[in-house]
Amino acid sequence: MPVALLYLGILVAAFLLLIVRPQRRQMAAHRALVASLQVGEEVVTSGGIYGTIRGLDNGTVDLEVSSGIELRVARGAIAQRVGPDREPDAGEPGEEDAGDDRGDDGSESPRSET
């Protein structure tokens, strides 16, 4: 019985360290992003819509997606800022190799020889 409780305690601690803490950190970073939004910034929504912030309310953002076309979206739907000075973070979904089998020097990689 004491061994089972020890295993259960280890399992709970591992769950907290590996799942709960990183998720809380990610949620805190998203809340900070949403709180620091300003008019004129270029952003992308969680649905993949790119636009420029034209207005801010308590819970909504007016997003200009094209000349003269504005969408009203929830503040929480803003996923990240974009811009010419921002480099993609390593590990973001959709940022991996797009299937180009050439190396840095333009030569074919060994995996492309099928």
C-alpha atoms as a PDB file:
ATOM      1  CA  MET A   1       0.000   0.000   0.000  1.00  0.00           C
ATOM      2  CA  PRO A   2       2.710   2.598   0.832  1.00  0.00           C
ATOM      3  CA  VAL A   3       4.460   1.809  -2.469  1.00  0.00           C
ATOM      4  CA  ALA A   4       1.251   2.516  -4.378  1.00  0.00           C
ATOM      5  CA  LEU A   5       0.913   5.885  -2.638  1.00  0.00           C
ATOM      6  CA  LEU A   6       4.521   6.674  -3.498  1.00  0.00           C
ATOM      7  CA  TYR A   7       3.878   5.872  -7.167  1.00  0.00           C
ATOM      8  CA  LEU A   8       0.719   7.968  -7.116  1.00  0.00           C
ATOM      9  CA  GLY A   9       2.621  10.897  -5.595  1.00  0.00           C
ATOM     10  CA  ILE A  10       5.337  10.621  -8.246  1.00  0.00           C
ATOM     11  CA  LEU A  11       2.701  10.480 -10.987  1.00  0.00           C
ATOM     12  CA  VAL A  12       0.922  13.593  -9.665  1.00  0.00           C
ATOM     13  CA  ALA A  13       4.218  15.497  -9.350  1.00  0.00           C
ATOM     14  CA  ALA A  14       5.230  14.537 -12.896  1.00  0.00           C
ATOM     15  CA  PHE A  15       1.832  15.630 -14.211  1.00  0.00           C
ATOM     16  CA  LEU A  16       2.173  19.003 -12.512  1.00  0.00           C
ATOM     17  CA  LEU A  17       5.727  19.564 -13.743  1.00  0.00           C
ATOM     18  CA  LEU A  18       5.289  18.357 -17.313  1.00  0.00           C
ATOM     19  CA  ILE A  19       1.788  19.529 -18.173  1.00  0.00           C
ATOM     20  CA  VAL A  20       0.291  22.094 -15.806  1.00  0.00           C
ATOM     21  CA  ARG A  21       3.276  24.445 -15.337  1.00  0.00           C
ATOM     22  CA  PRO A  22       4.112  24.878 -19.063  1.00  0.00           C
ATOM     23  CA  GLN A  23       0.438  25.418 -19.879  1.00  0.00           C
ATOM     24  CA  ARG A  24       0.126  28.097 -17.186  1.00  0.00           C
ATOM     25  CA  ARG A  25       3.266  29.800 -18.498  1.00  0.00           C
ATOM     26  CA  GLN A  26       1.854  29.797 -22.030  1.00  0.00           C
ATOM     27  CA  MET A  27      -1.472  31.207 -20.816  1.00  0.00           C
ATOM     28  CA  ALA A  28       0.310  33.980 -18.895  1.00  0.00           C
ATOM     29  CA  ALA A  29       2.324  34.913 -21.994  1.00  0.00           C
ATOM     30  CA  HIS A  30      -0.878  35.084 -24.077  1.00  0.00           C
ATOM     31  CA  ARG A  31      -2.605  37.263 -21.469  1.00  0.00           C
ATOM     32  CA  ALA A  32       0.391  39.617 -21.489  1.00  0.00           C
ATOM     33  CA  LEU A  33       0.261  39.794 -25.293  1.00  0.00           C
ATOM     34  CA  VAL A  34      -3.467  40.585 -25.305  1.00  0.00           C
ATOM     35  CA  ALA A  35      -3.049  43.235 -22.608  1.00  0.00           C
ATOM     36  CA  SER A  36      -0.228  44.975 -24.488  1.00  0.00           C
ATOM     37  CA  LEU A  37      -1.961  45.293 -27.875  1.00  0.00           C
ATOM     38  CA  GLN A  38      -1.862  48.777 -29.411  1.00  0.00           C
ATOM     39  CA  VAL A  39      -3.518  50.445 -32.376  1.00  0.00           C
ATOM     40  CA  GLY A  40      -1.443  50.126 -35.546  1.00  0.00           C
ATOM     41  CA  GLU A  41       0.188  46.782 -34.737  1.00  0.00           C
ATOM     42  CA  GLU A  42       0.061  43.941 -37.235  1.00  0.00           C
ATOM     43  CA  VAL A  43      -1.269  40.715 -35.744  1.00  0.00           C
ATOM     44  CA  VAL A  44      -2.519  37.294 -36.729  1.00  0.00           C
ATOM     45  CA  THR A  45      -5.577  35.675 -35.170  1.00  0.00           C
ATOM     46  CA  SER A  46      -5.771  32.102 -33.975  1.00  0.00           C
ATOM     47  CA  GLY A  47      -7.810  31.421 -37.123  1.00  0.00           C
ATOM     48  CA  GLY A  48      -4.950  32.612 -39.338  1.00  0.00           C
ATOM     49  CA  ILE A  49      -6.333  36.018 -40.340  1.00  0.00           C
ATOM     50  CA  TYR A  50      -3.666  38.709 -40.699  1.00  0.00           C
ATOM     51  CA  GLY A  51      -4.550  42.331 -40.105  1.00  0.00           C
ATOM     52  CA  THR A  52      -3.729  45.678 -38.553  1.00  0.00           C
ATOM     53  CA  ILE A  53      -5.366  46.820 -35.324  1.00  0.00           C
ATOM     54  CA  ARG A  54      -7.524  49.901 -35.944  1.00  0.00           C
ATOM     55  CA  GLY A  55      -9.468  50.030 -32.681  1.00  0.00           C
ATOM     56  CA  LEU A  56      -9.492  48.480 -29.218  1.00  0.00           C
ATOM     57  CA  ASP A  57     -12.391  47.945 -26.830  1.00  0.00           C
ATOM     58  CA  ASN A  58     -12.520  46.040 -23.555  1.00  0.00           C
ATOM     59  CA  GLY A  59     -13.100  42.636 -25.111  1.00  0.00           C
ATOM     60  CA  THR A  60     -12.833  43.254 -28.852  1.00  0.00           C
ATOM     61  CA  VAL A  61     -10.371  44.408 -31.484  1.00  0.00           C
ATOM     62  CA  ASP A  62     -11.216  46.115 -34.785  1.00  0.00           C
ATOM     63  CA  LEU A  63      -8.903  44.469 -37.294  1.00  0.00           C
ATOM     64  CA  GLU A  64      -8.352  45.900 -40.779  1.00  0.00           C
ATOM     65  CA  VAL A  65      -7.700  42.917 -43.050  1.00  0.00           C
ATOM     66  CA  SER A  66      -7.749  44.796 -46.342  1.00  0.00           C
ATOM     67  CA  SER A  67      -8.127  48.366 -47.461  1.00  0.00           C
ATOM     68  CA  GLY A  68     -11.488  49.466 -46.077  1.00  0.00           C
ATOM     69  CA  ILE A  69     -12.455  46.050 -44.674  1.00  0.00           C
ATOM     70  CA  GLU A  70     -12.548  45.718 -40.893  1.00  0.00           C
ATOM     71  CA  LEU A  71     -13.439  42.734 -38.756  1.00  0.00           C
ATOM     72  CA  ARG A  72     -14.365  42.803 -35.103  1.00  0.00           C
ATOM     73  CA  VAL A  73     -12.727  39.919 -33.264  1.00  0.00           C
ATOM     74  CA  ALA A  74     -12.363  38.959 -29.625  1.00  0.00           C
ATOM     75  CA  ARG A  75      -9.126  40.083 -27.986  1.00  0.00           C
ATOM     76  CA  GLY A  76      -8.431  36.501 -26.975  1.00  0.00           C
ATOM     77  CA  ALA A  77      -8.444  35.469 -30.636  1.00  0.00           C
ATOM     78  CA  ILE A  78      -5.206  37.371 -31.283  1.00  0.00           C
ATOM     79  CA  ALA A  79      -2.488  34.715 -31.474  1.00  0.00           C
ATOM     80  CA  GLN A  80       0.658  36.775 -32.077  1.00  0.00           C
ATOM     81  CA  ARG A  81       2.195  39.946 -33.408  1.00  0.00           C
ATOM     82  CA  VAL A  82       3.720  39.951 -36.882  1.00  0.00           C
ATOM     83  CA  GLY A  83       5.954  42.384 -38.645  1.00  0.00           C
ATOM     84  CA  PRO A  84       9.135  42.768 -40.636  1.00  0.00           C
ATOM     85  CA  ASP A  85      11.338  42.788 -37.525  1.00  0.00           C
ATOM     86  CA  ARG A  86       9.842  39.600 -36.079  1.00  0.00           C
ATOM     87  CA  GLU A  87      11.541  36.310 -36.864  1.00  0.00           C
ATOM     88  CA  PRO A  88       9.502  33.093 -36.564  1.00  0.00           C
ATOM     89  CA  ASP A  89      10.063  31.320 -33.257  1.00  0.00           C
ATOM     90  CA  ALA A  90      11.586  27.880 -33.441  1.00  0.00           C
ATOM     91  CA  GLY A  91       9.065  25.165 -32.836  1.00  0.00           C
ATOM     92  CA  GLU A  92       5.949  27.030 -33.909  1.00  0.00           C
ATOM     93  CA  PRO A  93       3.500  24.879 -35.852  1.00  0.00           C
ATOM     94  CA  GLY A  94       3.790  25.346 -39.585  1.00  0.00           C
ATOM     95  CA  GLU A  95       7.342  26.650 -39.463  1.00  0.00           C
ATOM     96  CA  GLU A  96       9.103  23.357 -40.180  1.00  0.00           C
ATOM     97  CA  ASP A  97      10.751  22.279 -43.418  1.00  0.00           C
ATOM     98  CA  ALA A  98       8.240  22.580 -46.245  1.00  0.00           C
ATOM     99  CA  GLY A  99       9.611  19.517 -48.033  1.00  0.00           C
ATOM    100  CA  ASP A 100      12.541  21.156 -49.827  1.00  0.00           C
ATOM    101  CA  ASP A 101      15.205  18.441 -49.961  1.00  0.00           C
ATOM    102  CA  ARG A 102      18.054  20.748 -50.875  1.00  0.00           C
ATOM    103  CA  GLY A 103      20.800  21.554 -48.400  1.00  0.00           C
ATOM    104  CA  ASP A 104      22.057  25.021 -47.529  1.00  0.00           C
ATOM    105  CA  ASP A 105      24.331  25.033 -50.572  1.00  0.00           C
ATOM    106  CA  GLY A 106      21.494  24.023 -52.939  1.00  0.00           C
ATOM    107  CA  SER A 107      22.686  20.421 -53.357  1.00  0.00           C
ATOM    108  CA  GLU A 108      20.259  17.550 -53.073  1.00  0.00           C
ATOM    109  CA  SER A 109      20.164  15.761 -49.732  1.00  0.00           C
ATOM    110  CA  PRO A 110      20.606  11.985 -49.520  1.00  0.00           C
ATOM    111  CA  ARG A 111      16.963  11.475 -48.513  1.00  0.00           C
ATOM    112  CA  SER A 112      15.756  12.772 -51.884  1.00  0.00           C
ATOM    113  CA  GLU A 113      17.366   9.864 -53.749  1.00  0.00           C
ATOM    114  CA  THR A 114      14.429   7.481 -53.966  1.00  0.00           C
END
